[in-house]
N, C-alpha and C. Protein backbone atom coordinates (compact mmCIF):
# COMPACT_ATOMS: atom_id res chain seq x y z
N MET A 1 11.97 -41.83 -28.41
CA MET A 1 13.19 -41.18 -28.63
C MET A 1 13.01 -39.62 -28.56
N LEU A 2 11.92 -39.20 -29.21
CA LEU A 2 11.66 -37.68 -29.13
C LEU A 2 11.52 -37.21 -27.74
N ALA A 3 10.74 -38.00 -26.91
CA ALA A 3 10.48 -37.66 -25.56
C ALA A 3 11.78 -37.47 -24.81
N ALA A 4 12.79 -38.42 -24.95
CA ALA A 4 14.07 -38.40 -24.36
C ALA A 4 14.72 -37.04 -24.75
N GLY A 5 14.80 -36.78 -25.98
CA GLY A 5 15.50 -35.50 -26.43
C GLY A 5 14.69 -34.20 -25.76
N VAL A 6 13.48 -34.25 -25.65
CA VAL A 6 12.78 -33.06 -25.27
C VAL A 6 13.04 -32.82 -23.78
N THR A 7 13.03 -33.93 -23.01
CA THR A 7 13.19 -33.88 -21.66
C THR A 7 14.63 -33.92 -21.10
N ALA A 8 15.62 -34.12 -21.80
CA ALA A 8 16.98 -34.33 -21.47
C ALA A 8 17.59 -33.28 -20.50
N GLY A 9 17.16 -32.08 -20.80
CA GLY A 9 17.65 -30.99 -19.84
C GLY A 9 16.84 -30.87 -18.65
N CYS A 10 15.87 -31.73 -18.36
CA CYS A 10 15.05 -31.41 -17.13
C CYS A 10 15.61 -32.23 -15.92
N PHE A 11 16.40 -33.09 -16.15
CA PHE A 11 16.83 -33.94 -15.10
C PHE A 11 18.29 -33.65 -14.75
N GLN A 12 18.46 -33.75 -13.39
CA GLN A 12 19.87 -33.64 -12.81
C GLN A 12 20.11 -34.63 -11.75
N PRO A 13 21.28 -35.04 -11.60
CA PRO A 13 21.59 -35.92 -10.50
C PRO A 13 21.34 -35.23 -9.12
N LEU A 14 20.67 -35.99 -8.21
CA LEU A 14 20.33 -35.42 -6.84
C LEU A 14 21.68 -35.14 -6.10
N TYR A 15 22.60 -35.94 -6.18
CA TYR A 15 23.91 -35.75 -5.28
C TYR A 15 25.09 -35.30 -6.24
N GLY A 16 24.96 -34.68 -7.35
CA GLY A 16 25.90 -34.26 -8.29
C GLY A 16 26.64 -32.90 -7.65
N ASP A 17 27.80 -32.59 -8.16
CA ASP A 17 28.52 -31.61 -7.74
C ASP A 17 27.96 -30.25 -8.24
N ARG A 18 27.46 -30.21 -9.37
CA ARG A 18 26.90 -28.90 -10.00
C ARG A 18 25.34 -29.00 -10.26
N SER A 19 24.78 -27.90 -10.13
CA SER A 19 23.43 -27.79 -10.46
C SER A 19 23.31 -27.29 -11.83
N ALA A 20 22.27 -27.92 -12.55
CA ALA A 20 22.02 -27.51 -14.06
C ALA A 20 21.68 -26.08 -14.24
N ASP A 21 21.10 -25.44 -13.18
CA ASP A 21 20.83 -24.01 -13.36
C ASP A 21 21.74 -23.05 -12.68
N GLY A 22 22.81 -23.51 -12.28
CA GLY A 22 23.84 -22.61 -11.63
C GLY A 22 23.70 -22.39 -10.14
N ARG A 23 22.69 -23.01 -9.44
CA ARG A 23 22.51 -22.94 -8.01
C ARG A 23 23.65 -23.63 -7.26
N PRO A 24 23.92 -23.43 -6.09
CA PRO A 24 24.93 -24.17 -5.34
C PRO A 24 24.66 -25.64 -5.31
N ALA A 25 25.80 -26.35 -5.17
CA ALA A 25 25.78 -27.81 -5.05
C ALA A 25 24.91 -28.16 -3.82
N LEU A 26 24.23 -29.25 -3.93
CA LEU A 26 23.36 -29.87 -2.76
C LEU A 26 24.13 -29.98 -1.42
N ARG A 27 25.35 -30.50 -1.56
CA ARG A 27 26.11 -30.52 -0.13
C ARG A 27 26.31 -29.14 0.42
N ASP A 28 26.52 -28.19 -0.33
CA ASP A 28 26.66 -26.87 0.25
C ASP A 28 25.29 -26.31 0.82
N VAL A 29 24.21 -26.55 0.19
CA VAL A 29 22.96 -26.12 0.61
C VAL A 29 22.64 -26.93 1.85
N LEU A 30 22.87 -28.23 1.94
CA LEU A 30 22.54 -29.07 3.09
C LEU A 30 23.36 -28.75 4.39
N SER A 31 24.61 -28.32 4.06
CA SER A 31 25.50 -27.87 5.23
C SER A 31 25.03 -26.57 5.78
N ALA A 32 24.21 -25.93 5.18
CA ALA A 32 23.57 -24.67 5.75
C ALA A 32 22.44 -24.74 6.52
N VAL A 33 22.02 -25.95 6.84
CA VAL A 33 20.90 -26.26 7.70
C VAL A 33 21.38 -26.54 9.09
N ARG A 34 20.93 -25.62 10.03
CA ARG A 34 21.22 -25.69 11.33
C ARG A 34 20.30 -26.68 12.04
N VAL A 35 20.83 -27.76 12.76
CA VAL A 35 20.10 -28.82 13.36
C VAL A 35 19.99 -28.41 14.86
N ASN A 36 18.77 -27.95 15.31
CA ASN A 36 18.69 -27.64 16.76
C ASN A 36 18.69 -28.82 17.60
N PRO A 37 19.16 -28.73 18.85
CA PRO A 37 19.13 -29.86 19.86
C PRO A 37 17.83 -30.24 19.98
N ILE A 38 17.49 -31.51 20.08
CA ILE A 38 16.17 -32.15 20.27
C ILE A 38 15.86 -32.18 21.79
N ASP A 39 14.55 -31.39 22.06
CA ASP A 39 14.19 -31.28 23.43
C ASP A 39 13.75 -32.66 24.09
N THR A 40 14.50 -33.10 25.07
CA THR A 40 14.24 -34.31 25.76
C THR A 40 14.63 -34.11 27.12
N PRO A 41 13.99 -34.82 28.13
CA PRO A 41 14.46 -34.70 29.58
C PRO A 41 15.91 -35.27 29.75
N ASN A 42 16.77 -34.49 30.41
CA ASN A 42 18.14 -34.92 30.65
C ASN A 42 18.15 -36.20 31.37
N GLY A 43 19.13 -37.05 31.20
CA GLY A 43 19.44 -38.34 31.78
C GLY A 43 18.50 -39.43 31.45
N THR A 44 17.65 -39.34 30.48
CA THR A 44 16.69 -40.25 30.06
C THR A 44 17.15 -41.08 28.91
N PRO A 45 16.67 -42.25 28.62
CA PRO A 45 17.08 -42.91 27.41
C PRO A 45 16.79 -42.15 26.15
N GLU A 46 15.63 -41.34 26.30
CA GLU A 46 15.34 -40.57 24.85
C GLU A 46 16.43 -39.52 24.79
N ALA A 47 17.03 -38.97 25.81
CA ALA A 47 18.01 -38.00 25.72
C ALA A 47 19.20 -38.54 24.93
N ARG A 48 19.60 -39.81 25.26
CA ARG A 48 20.75 -40.48 24.54
C ARG A 48 20.36 -40.66 23.12
N LEU A 49 19.16 -41.10 22.78
CA LEU A 49 18.68 -41.19 21.44
C LEU A 49 18.64 -39.88 20.65
N ALA A 50 18.11 -38.87 21.34
CA ALA A 50 18.16 -37.59 20.70
C ALA A 50 19.53 -37.06 20.33
N VAL A 51 20.64 -37.27 21.14
CA VAL A 51 21.93 -36.93 20.79
C VAL A 51 22.47 -37.84 19.61
N GLU A 52 22.16 -39.13 19.62
CA GLU A 52 22.53 -40.03 18.49
C GLU A 52 21.88 -39.45 17.25
N LEU A 53 20.68 -39.23 17.33
CA LEU A 53 19.89 -38.61 16.05
C LEU A 53 20.45 -37.43 15.55
N ARG A 54 20.69 -36.44 16.40
CA ARG A 54 21.25 -35.11 16.07
C ARG A 54 22.63 -35.20 15.35
N ASN A 55 23.52 -36.08 16.03
CA ASN A 55 24.91 -36.25 15.60
C ASN A 55 24.77 -37.02 14.21
N GLN A 56 23.87 -37.99 13.98
CA GLN A 56 23.71 -38.63 12.71
C GLN A 56 23.28 -37.60 11.63
N LEU A 57 22.39 -36.78 11.96
CA LEU A 57 21.89 -35.68 11.04
C LEU A 57 23.03 -34.64 10.64
N LEU A 58 23.73 -34.19 11.74
CA LEU A 58 24.79 -33.37 11.42
C LEU A 58 25.82 -33.89 10.56
N PHE A 59 26.13 -35.30 10.75
CA PHE A 59 27.10 -35.81 9.84
C PHE A 59 26.57 -35.99 8.37
N ASP A 60 25.30 -36.46 8.29
CA ASP A 60 24.71 -36.57 6.99
C ASP A 60 24.60 -35.31 6.24
N LEU A 61 24.33 -34.28 6.90
CA LEU A 61 24.12 -32.94 6.24
C LEU A 61 25.39 -32.25 5.96
N THR A 62 26.48 -32.44 6.77
CA THR A 62 27.72 -31.74 6.54
C THR A 62 28.74 -32.62 6.01
N GLY A 63 28.58 -33.85 6.10
CA GLY A 63 29.81 -34.86 5.72
C GLY A 63 30.80 -34.80 6.69
N GLY A 64 30.67 -34.33 7.95
CA GLY A 64 31.61 -34.18 8.91
C GLY A 64 32.55 -32.94 8.85
N SER A 65 32.24 -32.11 7.75
CA SER A 65 33.11 -30.89 7.64
C SER A 65 32.62 -29.63 8.47
N GLY A 66 31.62 -29.73 9.16
CA GLY A 66 31.17 -28.61 9.90
C GLY A 66 30.09 -27.83 9.15
N THR A 67 29.34 -26.95 9.75
CA THR A 67 28.27 -26.22 9.07
C THR A 67 28.92 -24.99 8.48
N SER A 68 28.19 -24.47 7.41
CA SER A 68 28.51 -23.19 6.95
C SER A 68 27.47 -22.12 7.60
N SER A 69 27.41 -20.98 7.17
CA SER A 69 26.51 -19.92 7.70
C SER A 69 25.08 -20.50 7.41
N PRO A 70 24.28 -20.70 8.50
CA PRO A 70 23.03 -21.26 8.40
C PRO A 70 22.00 -20.37 7.57
N THR A 71 21.29 -21.10 6.85
CA THR A 71 20.14 -20.33 6.05
C THR A 71 18.76 -20.93 6.52
N HIS A 72 18.88 -22.14 7.03
CA HIS A 72 17.56 -22.73 7.38
C HIS A 72 17.83 -23.43 8.80
N GLU A 73 16.76 -23.67 9.49
CA GLU A 73 16.84 -24.37 10.74
C GLU A 73 15.89 -25.62 10.80
N LEU A 74 16.47 -26.64 11.35
CA LEU A 74 15.57 -27.87 11.49
C LEU A 74 15.26 -28.11 13.04
N VAL A 75 13.95 -28.26 13.21
CA VAL A 75 13.41 -28.48 14.70
C VAL A 75 12.73 -29.75 14.62
N ILE A 76 13.02 -30.51 15.64
CA ILE A 76 12.52 -31.93 15.65
C ILE A 76 11.92 -32.28 16.99
N ARG A 77 10.70 -32.91 16.99
CA ARG A 77 10.13 -33.41 18.22
C ARG A 77 10.08 -34.89 18.09
N MET A 78 10.39 -35.68 19.05
CA MET A 78 10.63 -37.12 18.98
C MET A 78 9.86 -37.80 20.14
N THR A 79 9.36 -39.02 19.79
CA THR A 79 8.80 -39.82 20.81
C THR A 79 9.36 -41.27 20.35
N SER A 80 9.36 -42.12 21.38
CA SER A 80 9.96 -43.54 21.05
C SER A 80 9.04 -44.47 21.88
N ASN A 81 9.02 -45.74 21.41
CA ASN A 81 8.37 -46.77 22.11
C ASN A 81 9.11 -48.23 21.93
N ARG A 82 8.67 -49.11 22.73
CA ARG A 82 9.28 -50.47 22.83
C ARG A 82 8.08 -51.40 22.94
N SER A 83 8.08 -52.39 22.27
CA SER A 83 7.02 -53.54 22.42
C SER A 83 7.60 -54.89 22.22
N SER A 84 7.14 -55.93 23.10
CA SER A 84 7.50 -57.26 22.98
C SER A 84 6.79 -57.92 21.82
N VAL A 85 7.47 -58.65 21.01
CA VAL A 85 6.88 -59.35 19.77
C VAL A 85 6.72 -60.82 20.00
N ILE A 86 7.77 -61.43 20.54
CA ILE A 86 7.71 -62.83 20.80
C ILE A 86 8.11 -63.04 22.31
N VAL A 87 7.30 -63.78 23.07
CA VAL A 87 7.66 -64.02 24.45
C VAL A 87 7.84 -65.49 24.69
N ASP A 88 8.91 -65.76 25.39
CA ASP A 88 9.06 -67.28 25.84
C ASP A 88 8.05 -67.62 26.79
N LEU A 89 7.39 -68.78 26.48
CA LEU A 89 6.35 -69.20 27.31
C LEU A 89 6.79 -69.74 28.66
N THR A 90 7.96 -70.25 28.71
CA THR A 90 8.55 -70.81 29.92
C THR A 90 8.93 -69.74 30.93
N SER A 91 9.67 -68.80 30.46
CA SER A 91 10.43 -67.79 31.27
C SER A 91 9.40 -66.51 31.42
N GLN A 92 8.48 -66.51 30.48
CA GLN A 92 7.56 -65.22 30.31
C GLN A 92 8.44 -63.92 30.13
N ARG A 93 9.70 -64.13 29.46
CA ARG A 93 10.63 -62.96 29.07
C ARG A 93 10.47 -62.85 27.55
N PRO A 94 10.65 -61.68 27.08
CA PRO A 94 10.56 -61.42 25.66
C PRO A 94 11.87 -61.97 24.91
N ASP A 95 11.68 -62.63 23.91
CA ASP A 95 12.83 -63.04 22.97
C ASP A 95 13.18 -62.05 21.97
N VAL A 96 12.03 -61.32 21.44
CA VAL A 96 12.24 -60.44 20.46
C VAL A 96 11.44 -59.16 20.75
N GLU A 97 12.03 -58.03 20.56
CA GLU A 97 11.24 -56.74 20.91
C GLU A 97 11.46 -55.85 19.67
N ASN A 98 10.47 -54.90 19.50
CA ASN A 98 10.47 -53.90 18.46
C ASN A 98 10.81 -52.56 19.15
N PHE A 99 11.63 -51.71 18.53
CA PHE A 99 11.86 -50.37 19.05
C PHE A 99 11.30 -49.54 17.84
N GLY A 100 10.75 -48.49 18.35
CA GLY A 100 10.15 -47.52 17.30
C GLY A 100 10.47 -46.02 17.76
N VAL A 101 10.76 -45.19 16.76
CA VAL A 101 10.94 -43.86 16.96
C VAL A 101 10.02 -43.12 15.90
N ASP A 102 9.26 -42.16 16.45
CA ASP A 102 8.43 -41.25 15.68
C ASP A 102 8.89 -39.71 15.70
N LEU A 103 9.04 -39.08 14.61
CA LEU A 103 9.46 -37.73 14.61
C LEU A 103 8.56 -36.80 13.87
N ASN A 104 8.30 -35.69 14.34
CA ASN A 104 7.64 -34.47 13.75
C ASN A 104 8.81 -33.47 13.54
N TYR A 105 8.91 -33.00 12.30
CA TYR A 105 10.03 -32.04 12.14
C TYR A 105 9.55 -30.87 11.23
N ALA A 106 10.19 -29.78 11.35
CA ALA A 106 9.95 -28.60 10.54
C ALA A 106 11.25 -27.95 10.15
N VAL A 107 11.36 -27.41 8.98
CA VAL A 107 12.49 -26.60 8.40
C VAL A 107 12.07 -25.22 8.10
N ARG A 108 12.58 -24.32 8.76
CA ARG A 108 12.28 -22.94 8.63
C ARG A 108 13.38 -22.13 7.98
N GLU A 109 12.97 -21.20 7.18
CA GLU A 109 14.03 -20.27 6.52
C GLU A 109 14.34 -19.28 7.53
N LEU A 110 15.70 -19.03 7.74
CA LEU A 110 15.99 -18.01 8.75
C LEU A 110 15.79 -16.68 8.41
N ALA A 111 15.88 -16.39 7.14
CA ALA A 111 15.70 -15.10 6.52
C ALA A 111 14.18 -14.59 6.67
N THR A 112 13.33 -15.46 6.52
CA THR A 112 11.89 -15.03 6.45
C THR A 112 11.14 -15.56 7.58
N GLY A 113 11.71 -16.53 8.29
CA GLY A 113 10.93 -17.23 9.43
C GLY A 113 9.84 -18.12 8.84
N LYS A 114 9.76 -18.32 7.53
CA LYS A 114 8.70 -19.18 6.97
C LYS A 114 9.04 -20.68 7.10
N VAL A 115 8.04 -21.52 7.53
CA VAL A 115 8.16 -22.92 7.59
C VAL A 115 8.05 -23.48 6.21
N VAL A 116 9.21 -24.08 5.65
CA VAL A 116 9.18 -24.46 4.27
C VAL A 116 8.80 -25.94 4.09
N ILE A 117 9.08 -26.72 5.22
CA ILE A 117 8.87 -28.19 5.23
C ILE A 117 8.35 -28.47 6.69
N GLN A 118 7.26 -29.20 6.65
CA GLN A 118 6.67 -29.76 8.01
C GLN A 118 6.24 -31.10 7.68
N SER A 119 6.88 -32.15 8.34
CA SER A 119 6.58 -33.47 7.99
C SER A 119 6.78 -34.37 9.23
N THR A 120 6.47 -35.61 8.95
CA THR A 120 6.70 -36.68 9.99
C THR A 120 7.53 -37.84 9.27
N THR A 121 8.17 -38.60 10.23
CA THR A 121 8.77 -39.85 9.66
C THR A 121 8.84 -40.75 10.89
N PHE A 122 9.12 -42.02 10.60
CA PHE A 122 9.27 -43.08 11.59
C PHE A 122 10.19 -44.23 11.27
N ALA A 123 10.62 -45.06 12.29
CA ALA A 123 11.37 -46.18 11.98
C ALA A 123 11.01 -47.20 13.04
N ARG A 124 10.94 -48.40 12.61
CA ARG A 124 10.68 -49.66 13.49
C ARG A 124 11.69 -50.61 13.21
N VAL A 125 12.47 -51.14 14.22
CA VAL A 125 13.53 -51.99 14.13
C VAL A 125 13.26 -53.09 15.18
N SER A 126 13.69 -54.25 14.87
CA SER A 126 13.54 -55.38 15.96
C SER A 126 14.90 -55.85 16.43
N TYR A 127 14.95 -56.44 17.58
CA TYR A 127 16.08 -56.87 18.19
C TYR A 127 15.79 -58.01 19.08
N ASP A 128 16.82 -58.89 19.22
CA ASP A 128 16.67 -60.06 20.03
C ASP A 128 17.19 -59.86 21.44
N THR A 129 16.40 -60.46 22.38
CA THR A 129 16.75 -60.26 23.80
C THR A 129 17.01 -61.68 24.26
N PRO A 130 18.26 -62.13 24.43
CA PRO A 130 18.67 -63.45 24.82
C PRO A 130 18.17 -63.66 26.25
N GLY A 131 18.26 -64.91 26.70
CA GLY A 131 17.67 -65.38 27.99
C GLY A 131 18.47 -64.71 29.13
N SER A 132 18.15 -65.20 30.36
CA SER A 132 18.69 -64.57 31.54
C SER A 132 20.16 -64.73 31.68
N GLU A 133 20.86 -65.69 30.93
CA GLU A 133 22.21 -65.94 31.07
C GLU A 133 23.11 -64.80 30.56
N GLN A 134 22.55 -63.85 29.82
CA GLN A 134 23.36 -62.80 29.23
C GLN A 134 22.72 -61.50 29.72
N ARG A 135 23.09 -61.03 30.88
CA ARG A 135 22.52 -59.86 31.59
C ARG A 135 22.49 -58.62 30.77
N PHE A 136 23.57 -58.30 30.16
CA PHE A 136 23.61 -57.00 29.40
C PHE A 136 23.27 -57.00 27.96
N ALA A 137 22.97 -58.25 27.37
CA ALA A 137 22.77 -58.50 26.02
C ALA A 137 21.50 -57.73 25.63
N ARG A 138 20.45 -57.65 26.46
CA ARG A 138 19.21 -57.06 26.17
C ARG A 138 19.48 -55.51 26.11
N LEU A 139 20.23 -54.88 26.94
CA LEU A 139 20.51 -53.62 26.91
C LEU A 139 21.24 -53.10 25.75
N ARG A 140 22.30 -53.95 25.37
CA ARG A 140 23.05 -53.70 24.12
C ARG A 140 22.21 -53.83 22.88
N GLY A 141 21.35 -54.88 22.97
CA GLY A 141 20.52 -54.97 21.80
C GLY A 141 19.50 -53.71 21.64
N LEU A 142 18.99 -53.29 22.70
CA LEU A 142 18.22 -52.10 22.60
C LEU A 142 18.99 -50.87 22.11
N ARG A 143 20.17 -50.63 22.68
CA ARG A 143 20.98 -49.54 22.23
C ARG A 143 21.34 -49.67 20.66
N ASP A 144 21.63 -50.84 20.21
CA ASP A 144 21.92 -51.03 18.75
C ASP A 144 20.63 -50.71 17.87
N ALA A 145 19.56 -51.13 18.46
CA ALA A 145 18.25 -50.86 17.75
C ALA A 145 17.99 -49.32 17.70
N GLU A 146 18.14 -48.67 18.80
CA GLU A 146 17.94 -47.19 18.89
C GLU A 146 18.96 -46.57 17.84
N ASN A 147 20.16 -46.95 17.81
CA ASN A 147 21.02 -46.40 16.79
C ASN A 147 20.66 -46.63 15.24
N ARG A 148 20.15 -47.91 15.02
CA ARG A 148 19.79 -48.21 13.74
C ARG A 148 18.51 -47.34 13.37
N ALA A 149 17.56 -47.21 14.39
CA ALA A 149 16.36 -46.37 14.11
C ALA A 149 16.69 -44.79 13.80
N ALA A 150 17.78 -44.44 14.60
CA ALA A 150 18.26 -43.05 14.39
C ALA A 150 18.79 -42.91 13.10
N LYS A 151 19.58 -43.80 12.56
CA LYS A 151 20.17 -43.74 11.23
C LYS A 151 19.15 -43.73 10.22
N VAL A 152 18.05 -44.57 10.36
CA VAL A 152 16.92 -44.69 9.38
C VAL A 152 16.20 -43.34 9.18
N VAL A 153 15.85 -42.80 10.44
CA VAL A 153 15.04 -41.50 10.32
C VAL A 153 15.84 -40.36 9.90
N ALA A 154 17.23 -40.40 10.20
CA ALA A 154 18.14 -39.28 9.70
C ALA A 154 18.19 -39.35 8.16
N ASP A 155 18.41 -40.58 7.56
CA ASP A 155 18.35 -40.72 6.19
C ASP A 155 17.05 -40.23 5.52
N HIS A 156 15.89 -40.51 6.25
CA HIS A 156 14.52 -39.98 5.69
C HIS A 156 14.69 -38.47 5.60
N ILE A 157 15.12 -37.90 6.75
CA ILE A 157 15.07 -36.30 6.76
C ILE A 157 16.05 -35.82 5.78
N ARG A 158 17.23 -36.36 5.63
CA ARG A 158 18.16 -35.86 4.66
C ARG A 158 17.66 -36.03 3.19
N ASN A 159 16.97 -37.09 2.90
CA ASN A 159 16.42 -37.28 1.57
C ASN A 159 15.30 -36.28 1.36
N ARG A 160 14.47 -35.95 2.26
CA ARG A 160 13.40 -35.06 2.13
C ARG A 160 13.92 -33.66 2.03
N LEU A 161 15.00 -33.31 2.67
CA LEU A 161 15.59 -31.91 2.60
C LEU A 161 16.32 -31.91 1.24
N ALA A 162 17.04 -32.88 0.67
CA ALA A 162 17.60 -32.96 -0.60
C ALA A 162 16.53 -32.77 -1.72
N SER A 163 15.37 -33.48 -1.57
CA SER A 163 14.33 -33.23 -2.49
C SER A 163 13.79 -31.75 -2.49
N TYR A 164 13.69 -31.21 -1.45
CA TYR A 164 13.23 -29.76 -1.26
C TYR A 164 14.03 -28.93 -1.92
N PHE A 165 15.43 -29.07 -1.54
CA PHE A 165 16.40 -28.06 -2.11
C PHE A 165 16.70 -28.25 -3.69
N ILE A 166 16.57 -29.36 -4.19
CA ILE A 166 16.72 -29.63 -5.59
C ILE A 166 15.48 -29.28 -6.42
N ALA A 167 14.44 -29.87 -6.03
CA ALA A 167 13.16 -29.79 -6.76
C ALA A 167 12.22 -28.75 -6.27
N GLY A 168 12.37 -28.33 -4.98
CA GLY A 168 11.44 -27.34 -4.39
C GLY A 168 10.20 -27.93 -3.94
N THR A 169 10.17 -29.28 -3.81
CA THR A 169 8.97 -29.97 -3.37
C THR A 169 9.20 -30.59 -2.10
C-alpha cells in the first residue's frame, strides 16, 4: 500500500489527452513526425508495399487529420520476402506461403539533426494459395498478407515512437 502511494504520481496513460508534467499530448507529438517516402524501385511489388506502409504510418501517427509542423523525421529502409511453407505433393504448388517484411528505421530531430531512435522491426504473416482453379486467389492472398504485414510493422513503429515521446526511452 505504501509503495502504491509513493509511486502514484509516476505513472501516466500512454494515450491520454494530458501529460502529467504539462508536455503536449501524445497525439500532438506523434502528428509532428514527418514520414519520408520509402525508397523502393518504381513499379515493383515493393513499391506498392512501401506506399501501403507509409499510408498506414501516416494514419496511425496523425489519426487522419494531417500533420502539424514537423519536429522529427522518420526514415525507413525495407526488405520483403516470400517462402513456401506447405507444398501440394501432387501439383508441386504451394498451398501455404509466408510473407515477411523487415524494416530498419531511424527518427531524427529536425532542429538538431540528432538521431534519437534507430531500430528494426519485422512481421511474418501466412496466407493460403488455393489450387489452379482460382487464378487470382494467390495474388489477392499475397496482397492481403502484404497489407497485414504493413499494419503490424506500422503498429510496432507507432508504439516505439509513443514510448520514446512519453518516457524518453
